[in-house]
Protein backbone atom coordinates (compact mmCIF):
# COMPACT_ATOMS: atom_id res chain seq x y z
CA MET A 1 0.24 59.72 0.73
CA PHE A 2 3.17 58.21 2.55
CA GLY A 3 4.16 59.64 5.80
CA ILE A 4 7.48 59.33 7.43
CA GLY A 5 6.19 56.94 10.12
CA THR A 6 4.59 54.75 7.45
CA ASN A 7 7.85 54.32 5.57
CA LYS A 8 9.69 53.33 8.74
CA GLU A 9 7.09 50.76 9.74
CA LYS A 10 6.71 49.16 6.29
CA PRO A 11 10.17 47.57 6.03
CA VAL A 12 9.59 46.02 9.46
CA GLU A 13 6.48 44.38 8.19
CA SER A 14 8.20 43.23 5.13
CA LYS A 15 10.95 41.44 7.21
CA ASP A 16 8.34 39.61 9.29
CA GLN A 17 6.16 38.48 6.43
CA PRO A 18 8.76 36.48 4.52
CA GLY A 19 9.83 34.72 7.70
CA THR A 20 6.17 33.82 8.47
CA PHE A 21 5.59 32.81 4.93
CA VAL A 22 8.66 30.48 4.88
CA SER A 23 7.71 29.01 8.28
CA GLU A 24 4.10 28.36 7.21
CA THR A 25 5.31 26.97 3.86
CA THR A 26 7.89 24.72 5.56
CA THR A 27 5.21 23.41 8.00
CA ALA A 28 2.80 22.76 5.15
CA VAL A 29 5.58 20.88 3.23
CA VAL A 30 6.37 18.82 6.29
CA ASP A 31 2.69 17.97 6.96
CA LYS A 32 2.12 16.92 3.32
CA ALA A 33 5.34 14.76 3.33
CA SER A 34 4.08 13.11 6.55
CA GLN A 35 0.68 12.36 5.01
CA MET A 36 2.28 10.97 1.87
CA ALA A 37 4.53 8.73 4.01
CA GLN A 38 1.51 7.45 5.98
CA TRP A 39 -0.39 6.88 2.71
CA THR A 40 2.63 5.03 1.22
CA GLN A 41 2.96 2.84 4.34
CA GLU A 42 -0.81 1.95 4.37
CA THR A 43 -0.66 1.22 0.60
CA ALA A 44 2.33 -1.04 1.04
CA VAL A 45 0.74 -2.84 3.86
CA ALA A 46 -2.52 -3.40 1.87
CA GLY A 47 -0.51 -4.56 -1.11
CA LYS A 48 1.41 -7.08 0.99
CA ASP A 49 -1.92 -8.46 2.55
CA LYS A 50 -3.31 -8.75 -0.94
CA THR A 51 -0.23 -10.50 -2.24
CA GLY A 52 -0.27 -12.96 0.71
CA GLU A 53 -3.91 -13.72 -0.01
CA VAL A 54 -3.23 -14.38 -3.68
CA LEU A 55 -0.24 -16.66 -2.88
CA LEU A 56 -2.30 -18.55 -0.40
CA ASN A 57 -5.12 -19.11 -2.87
CA THR A 58 -2.63 -20.12 -5.59
CA GLY A 59 -0.97 -22.65 -3.18
CA GLU A 60 -4.35 -24.21 -2.49
CA THR A 61 -5.15 -24.38 -6.11
CA ILE A 62 -1.84 -26.03 -7.01
CA LYS A 63 -2.13 -28.49 -4.01
CA ASN A 64 -5.73 -29.50 -5.21
CA ALA A 65 -4.58 -29.92 -8.78
CA ALA A 66 -1.72 -32.13 -7.68
CA GLN A 67 -3.97 -34.31 -5.54
CA GLY A 68 -6.37 -34.58 -8.49
CA ALA A 69 -3.51 -35.59 -10.77
CA THR A 70 -2.28 -38.18 -8.33
CA GLU A 71 -5.68 -39.66 -8.07
CA ASN A 72 -6.03 -39.77 -11.86
CA VAL A 73 -2.65 -41.48 -12.22
CA LYS A 74 -3.56 -44.06 -9.56
CA ASN A 75 -6.99 -44.72 -11.22
CA THR A 76 -5.28 -45.05 -14.60
CA LEU A 77 -2.78 -47.61 -13.21
CA GLY A 78 -5.55 -49.51 -11.38
CA MET A 79 -4.23 -48.54 -8.02
CA GLY A 80 -7.16 -46.31 -7.10
CA GLY A 81 -9.18 -48.81 -5.30
CA ASP A 82 -12.72 -49.72 -6.13
CA GLY A 83 -13.48 -46.58 -8.15
CA THR A 84 -15.63 -44.98 -5.44
CA THR A 85 -12.98 -42.50 -4.34
CA ILE A 86 -14.42 -38.96 -4.28
CA LYS A 87 -12.23 -36.55 -6.20
CA LYS A 88 -11.51 -33.21 -4.45
CA THR A 89 -11.62 -30.17 -6.67
């Protein structure tokens, strides 16, 4: 079954295969880590954009509520003019 030439060649193949396997595995791990870093960065940027949008909308809502409250206080105290003021909402 096993010839003398076969036994001598087999250890050489075994030495090359683990090195190739380790090299391929390392490359795959580096590629995957790079992909995950890219995904994390894109997710963080998207989250930041979304957070900015929410804060902007919240700021507008608060501003409008404050303006409405100011107009209501002026009208209650009789300082709102002739009552034809259009209320912003």
